[in-house]
C-alpha atoms as a PDB file:
ATOM      1  CA  MET A   1      -7.497  14.655  38.892  1.00  0.00           C
ATOM      2  CA  VAL A   2      -9.162  13.950  35.525  1.00  0.00           C
ATOM      3  CA  PRO A   3      -8.201  10.327  34.782  1.00  0.00           C
ATOM      4  CA  LEU A   4      -7.737   9.985  31.010  1.00  0.00           C
ATOM      5  CA  ASN A   5      -6.208   7.356  28.830  1.00  0.00           C
ATOM      6  CA  SER A   6      -3.320   9.038  27.047  1.00  0.00           C
ATOM      7  CA  ILE A   7      -0.485   8.501  24.644  1.00  0.00           C
ATOM      8  CA  ILE A   8       2.707  10.519  24.731  1.00  0.00           C
ATOM      9  CA  ALA A   9       5.157  10.575  21.886  1.00  0.00           C
ATOM     10  CA  VAL A  10       8.555  12.239  22.275  1.00  0.00           C
ATOM     11  CA  TYR A  11      10.036  13.831  19.171  1.00  0.00           C
ATOM     12  CA  GLU A  12      13.609  14.911  18.484  1.00  0.00           C
ATOM     13  CA  THR A  13      12.679  17.297  15.696  1.00  0.00           C
ATOM     14  CA  GLN A  14       9.962  19.769  14.933  1.00  0.00           C
ATOM     15  CA  ARG A  15       9.474  18.161  11.519  1.00  0.00           C
ATOM     16  CA  ASP A  16       8.675  14.739  13.058  1.00  0.00           C
ATOM     17  CA  ALA A  17       6.226  16.320  15.550  1.00  0.00           C
ATOM     18  CA  GLU A  18       4.473  18.089  12.684  1.00  0.00           C
ATOM     19  CA  THR A  19       4.269  14.766  10.873  1.00  0.00           C
ATOM     20  CA  GLY A  20       2.716  13.191  13.940  1.00  0.00           C
ATOM     21  CA  VAL A  21      -0.017  15.883  14.117  1.00  0.00           C
ATOM     22  CA  ARG A  22      -0.610  15.631  10.381  1.00  0.00           C
ATOM     23  CA  ASP A  23      -0.809  11.846  10.474  1.00  0.00           C
ATOM     24  CA  LEU A  24      -3.354  11.977  13.320  1.00  0.00           C
ATOM     25  CA  GLN A  25      -5.375  14.549  11.415  1.00  0.00           C
ATOM     26  CA  LEU A  26      -5.349  12.460   8.209  1.00  0.00           C
ATOM     27  CA  ALA A  27      -6.360   9.354  10.170  1.00  0.00           C
ATOM     28  CA  GLY A  28      -9.480  11.219  11.374  1.00  0.00           C
ATOM     29  CA  SER A  29      -8.363  11.742  14.996  1.00  0.00           C
ATOM     30  CA  ASP A  30     -10.106  14.455  16.953  1.00  0.00           C
ATOM     31  CA  LEU A  31      -7.495  17.254  17.180  1.00  0.00           C
ATOM     32  CA  LYS A  32      -9.354  18.642  20.207  1.00  0.00           C
ATOM     33  CA  LYS A  33      -7.758  15.737  22.082  1.00  0.00           C
ATOM     34  CA  VAL A  34      -4.192  16.491  20.927  1.00  0.00           C
ATOM     35  CA  SER A  35      -1.573  18.688  22.597  1.00  0.00           C
ATOM     36  CA  ILE A  36       2.031  19.601  21.820  1.00  0.00           C
ATOM     37  CA  LEU A  37       4.471  20.842  24.406  1.00  0.00           C
ATOM     38  CA  GLY A  38       8.030  21.994  23.899  1.00  0.00           C
ATOM     39  CA  ARG A  39      10.791  24.226  25.139  1.00  0.00           C
ATOM     40  CA  GLU A  40      11.823  27.018  22.885  1.00  0.00           C
ATOM     41  CA  HIS A  41      15.486  27.525  22.050  1.00  0.00           C
ATOM     42  CA  GLU A  42      16.619  30.600  23.932  1.00  0.00           C
ATOM     43  CA  SER A  43      18.602  33.058  21.906  1.00  0.00           C
ATOM     44  CA  VAL A  44      19.673  36.579  22.635  1.00  0.00           C
ATOM     45  CA  GLU A  45      20.274  37.108  18.915  1.00  0.00           C
ATOM     46  CA  HIS A  46      16.596  36.990  17.905  1.00  0.00           C
ATOM     47  CA  VAL A  47      13.468  38.690  19.148  1.00  0.00           C
ATOM     48  CA  ALA A  48      11.119  36.370  20.975  1.00  0.00           C
ATOM     49  CA  GLY A  49       7.650  37.403  22.068  1.00  0.00           C
ATOM     50  CA  ILE A  50       4.101  36.220  22.597  1.00  0.00           C
ATOM     51  CA  TYR A  51       1.107  38.406  21.904  1.00  0.00           C
ATOM     52  CA  ASN A  52      -2.614  38.269  21.299  1.00  0.00           C
ATOM     53  CA  ILE A  53      -4.262  40.220  18.524  1.00  0.00           C
ATOM     54  CA  GLY A  54      -7.802  39.460  17.424  1.00  0.00           C
ATOM     55  CA  GLY A  55      -8.315  36.545  19.786  1.00  0.00           C
ATOM     56  CA  ARG A  56      -5.357  34.415  18.576  1.00  0.00           C
ATOM     57  CA  MET A  57      -2.100  33.985  20.386  1.00  0.00           C
ATOM     58  CA  LYS A  58       0.955  34.613  18.200  1.00  0.00           C
ATOM     59  CA  TYR A  59       4.537  33.719  18.797  1.00  0.00           C
ATOM     60  CA  TRP A  60       7.606  35.471  17.442  1.00  0.00           C
ATOM     61  CA  GLY A  61      10.648  33.282  17.915  1.00  0.00           C
ATOM     62  CA  ALA A  62      12.847  30.519  16.482  1.00  0.00           C
ATOM     63  CA  ARG A  63       9.868  28.172  16.035  1.00  0.00           C
ATOM     64  CA  GLY A  64       7.275  30.874  15.360  1.00  0.00           C
ATOM     65  CA  SER A  65       5.640  29.367  12.299  1.00  0.00           C
ATOM     66  CA  PHE A  66       5.459  25.971  13.990  1.00  0.00           C
ATOM     67  CA  TRP A  67       3.735  27.256  17.139  1.00  0.00           C
ATOM     68  CA  ASN A  68       1.430  29.639  15.278  1.00  0.00           C
ATOM     69  CA  GLU A  69       0.196  26.805  13.021  1.00  0.00           C
ATOM     70  CA  LEU A  70      -0.338  24.562  16.074  1.00  0.00           C
ATOM     71  CA  TRP A  71      -2.265  27.289  17.887  1.00  0.00           C
ATOM     72  CA  ARG A  72      -4.453  27.585  14.784  1.00  0.00           C
ATOM     73  CA  LEU A  73      -5.157  23.816  14.697  1.00  0.00           C
ATOM     74  CA  LEU A  74      -5.263  22.867  18.387  1.00  0.00           C
ATOM     75  CA  ALA A  75      -7.611  24.384  21.002  1.00  0.00           C
ATOM     76  CA  GLY A  76      -5.602  26.064  23.739  1.00  0.00           C
ATOM     77  CA  ALA A  77      -2.386  28.070  23.831  1.00  0.00           C
ATOM     78  CA  ALA A  78       0.040  28.921  26.632  1.00  0.00           C
ATOM     79  CA  ALA A  79       3.556  29.980  27.405  1.00  0.00           C
ATOM     80  CA  PHE A  80       5.129  29.461  30.776  1.00  0.00           C
ATOM     81  CA  ALA A  81       8.537  30.155  32.311  1.00  0.00           C
ATOM     82  CA  ILE A  82       9.020  27.086  34.508  1.00  0.00           C
ATOM     83  CA  PRO A  83      11.809  26.970  37.078  1.00  0.00           C
ATOM     84  CA  GLY A  84      14.216  24.171  36.313  1.00  0.00           C
ATOM     85  CA  ILE A  85      12.862  23.694  32.754  1.00  0.00           C
ATOM     86  CA  GLY A  86      12.789  27.073  31.079  1.00  0.00           C
ATOM     87  CA  ARG A  87      10.331  28.688  28.717  1.00  0.00           C
ATOM     88  CA  VAL A  88       7.771  26.180  27.435  1.00  0.00           C
ATOM     89  CA  LEU A  89       5.010  26.580  24.894  1.00  0.00           C
ATOM     90  CA  ILE A  90       1.873  24.511  24.855  1.00  0.00           C
ATOM     91  CA  ALA A  91      -0.823  23.969  22.226  1.00  0.00           C
ATOM     92  CA  GLY A  92      -4.007  21.982  22.930  1.00  0.00           C
ATOM     93  CA  PRO A  93      -5.956  20.865  26.027  1.00  0.00           C
ATOM     94  CA  LEU A  94      -2.805  20.372  28.080  1.00  0.00           C
ATOM     95  CA  THR A  95      -3.008  24.174  28.508  1.00  0.00           C
ATOM     96  CA  VAL A  96      -6.115  23.807  30.732  1.00  0.00           C
ATOM     97  CA  TRP A  97      -4.654  20.867  32.678  1.00  0.00           C
ATOM     98  CA  VAL A  98      -1.487  22.800  33.513  1.00  0.00           C
ATOM     99  CA  VAL A  99      -3.414  25.918  34.599  1.00  0.00           C
ATOM    100  CA  THR A 100      -5.796  23.778  36.695  1.00  0.00           C
ATOM    101  CA  ALA A 101      -2.912  21.838  38.238  1.00  0.00           C
ATOM    102  CA  LEU A 102      -1.168  25.037  39.296  1.00  0.00           C
ATOM    103  CA  GLU A 103      -4.109  25.701  41.606  1.00  0.00           C
ATOM    104  CA  ASP A 104      -3.973  22.196  43.121  1.00  0.00           C
ATOM    105  CA  PRO A 105      -2.039  22.039  46.431  1.00  0.00           C
ATOM    106  CA  ALA A 106      -1.387  18.261  45.870  1.00  0.00           C
ATOM    107  CA  ALA A 107       0.828  19.162  42.907  1.00  0.00           C
ATOM    108  CA  GLU A 108       3.392  21.045  44.988  1.00  0.00           C
ATOM    109  CA  SER A 109       6.253  18.578  44.445  1.00  0.00           C
ATOM    110  CA  LEU A 110       5.829  18.700  40.640  1.00  0.00           C
ATOM    111  CA  SER A 111       6.673  21.347  38.021  1.00  0.00           C
ATOM    112  CA  ALA A 112       3.766  22.995  36.235  1.00  0.00           C
ATOM    113  CA  VAL A 113       4.218  20.597  33.302  1.00  0.00           C
ATOM    114  CA  GLY A 114       4.492  17.606  35.647  1.00  0.00           C
ATOM    115  CA  ALA A 115       1.397  18.632  37.533  1.00  0.00           C
ATOM    116  CA  GLY A 116      -0.561  19.010  34.297  1.00  0.00           C
ATOM    117  CA  LEU A 117       0.476  15.554  33.182  1.00  0.00           C
ATOM    118  CA  HIS A 118      -0.235  14.065  36.606  1.00  0.00           C
ATOM    119  CA  THR A 119      -3.719  15.560  36.354  1.00  0.00           C
ATOM    120  CA  ILE A 120      -4.493  13.099  33.509  1.00  0.00           C
ATOM    121  CA  SER A 121      -2.993  10.147  35.422  1.00  0.00           C
ATOM    122  CA  VAL A 122       0.521  10.022  33.926  1.00  0.00           C
ATOM    123  CA  PRO A 123       2.728   8.295  36.518  1.00  0.00           C
ATOM    124  CA  ARG A 124       5.378  10.365  38.297  1.00  0.00           C
ATOM    125  CA  ALA A 125       8.243   8.215  37.018  1.00  0.00           C
ATOM    126  CA  SER A 126       7.154   8.935  33.426  1.00  0.00           C
ATOM    127  CA  ILE A 127       6.728  12.619  34.209  1.00  0.00           C
ATOM    128  CA  ARG A 128      10.400  12.851  35.185  1.00  0.00           C
ATOM    129  CA  ARG A 129      11.431  11.315  31.831  1.00  0.00           C
ATOM    130  CA  TYR A 130       9.178  13.679  29.938  1.00  0.00           C
ATOM    131  CA  GLU A 131      10.538  16.735  31.838  1.00  0.00           C
ATOM    132  CA  SER A 132      14.104  15.602  30.983  1.00  0.00           C
ATOM    133  CA  ALA A 133      13.105  15.350  27.324  1.00  0.00           C
ATOM    134  CA  ILE A 134      11.636  18.849  27.395  1.00  0.00           C
ATOM    135  CA  LYS A 135      14.863  20.212  28.965  1.00  0.00           C
ATOM    136  CA  MET A 136      16.736  18.768  25.948  1.00  0.00           C
ATOM    137  CA  HIS A 137      14.405  20.710  23.597  1.00  0.00           C
ATOM    138  CA  LYS A 138      12.420  17.667  22.519  1.00  0.00           C
ATOM    139  CA  LEU A 139       8.709  17.953  21.775  1.00  0.00           C
ATOM    140  CA  LEU A 140       5.910  15.993  23.416  1.00  0.00           C
ATOM    141  CA  LEU A 141       2.749  15.081  21.485  1.00  0.00           C
ATOM    142  CA  ILE A 142      -0.003  14.086  23.899  1.00  0.00           C
ATOM    143  CA  ALA A 143      -3.348  12.619  22.868  1.00  0.00           C
ATOM    144  CA  HIS A 144      -6.161  11.401  25.067  1.00  0.00           C
ATOM    145  CA  GLY A 145      -9.322   9.394  24.473  1.00  0.00           C
ATOM    146  CA  SER A 146     -10.911   5.981  24.706  1.00  0.00           C
ATOM    147  CA  VAL A 147      -8.826   2.811  24.738  1.00  0.00           C
ATOM    148  CA  GLN A 148      -9.621   2.286  21.054  1.00  0.00           C
ATOM    149  CA  GLU A 149      -8.657   5.847  20.134  1.00  0.00           C
ATOM    150  CA  ILE A 150      -5.373   5.574  22.014  1.00  0.00           C
ATOM    151  CA  LEU A 151      -4.461   2.251  20.412  1.00  0.00           C
ATOM    152  CA  LYS A 152      -5.288   3.675  16.946  1.00  0.00           C
ATOM    153  CA  SER A 153      -3.218   6.763  17.718  1.00  0.00           C
ATOM    154  CA  ARG A 154      -0.287   4.583  18.744  1.00  0.00           C
ATOM    155  CA  ASP A 155      -0.400   2.801  15.406  1.00  0.00           C
ATOM    156  CA  VAL A 156      -0.655   6.083  13.486  1.00  0.00           C
ATOM    157  CA  LEU A 157       2.115   7.794  15.430  1.00  0.00           C
ATOM    158  CA  ARG A 158       4.601   5.000  14.940  1.00  0.00           C
ATOM    159  CA  GLY A 159       4.960   6.153  11.319  1.00  0.00           C
ATOM    160  CA  SER A 160       6.118   9.598  12.405  1.00  0.00           C
ATOM    161  CA  ARG A 161       9.288   8.215  14.021  1.00  0.00           C
ATOM    162  CA  PRO A 162       8.925   9.299  17.631  1.00  0.00           C
ATOM    163  CA  GLU A 163      11.958   8.742  19.772  1.00  0.00           C
ATOM    164  CA  GLU A 164       9.708   7.294  22.437  1.00  0.00           C
ATOM    165  CA  ILE A 165       6.004   6.442  22.550  1.00  0.00           C
ATOM    166  CA  ASP A 166       4.155   5.496  25.740  1.00  0.00           C
ATOM    167  CA  VAL A 167       0.527   4.601  26.407  1.00  0.00           C
ATOM    168  CA  HIS A 168      -0.928   5.443  29.828  1.00  0.00           C
ATOM    169  CA  PHE A 169      -4.260   3.730  30.581  1.00  0.00           C
ATOM    170  CA  VAL A 170      -6.362   4.661  33.587  1.00  0.00           C
ATOM    171  CA  ASP A 171      -7.655   1.129  34.107  1.00  0.00           C
ATOM    172  CA  GLU A 172      -5.089  -1.437  35.338  1.00  0.00           C
ATOM    173  CA  GLU A 173      -6.716  -4.307  33.413  1.00  0.00           C
ATOM    174  CA  THR A 174      -6.415  -2.358  30.158  1.00  0.00           C
ATOM    175  CA  ARG A 175      -2.804  -1.542  31.015  1.00  0.00           C
ATOM    176  CA  SER A 176      -1.773  -5.182  31.265  1.00  0.00           C
ATOM    177  CA  ALA A 177      -3.776  -6.233  28.180  1.00  0.00           C
ATOM    178  CA  ALA A 178      -2.136  -3.593  25.936  1.00  0.00           C
END
């Protein structure tokens, strides 16, 4: 487990999630500490694929331009087919946490996404809410950092109209003071 202070914003629309990333970037946040996770809309009417050419992952699907831009901005890219959730795409450091968590036997009772979130100290009750949001094709924006960075990110992200925004502090004293 890598205990990290984190903030998770749940977005109904791609546009609002893009606004959240842009607002963090404009506020001077370190985008190396930002991840986006979402479930792609399955469709048999359109080609969907993931490929790597020239060291960059590319996505061909309903949200192709969205994911390709995120993979350009945020370090880390992944696509997983997760039982019970479906096909999810990840941009940012959450990619490493999910891959690492898959190798952890303590994460057996959680999905790959849940195990990745649990790795950074997100409580199990919150993980279930986030997994439900993903199943409904909502997008999660996850940022991590110091207490000050998280509180600043919370203020910045409020302007992007997330459906839900939660702060998860590692230290109990900080949790009750926020």
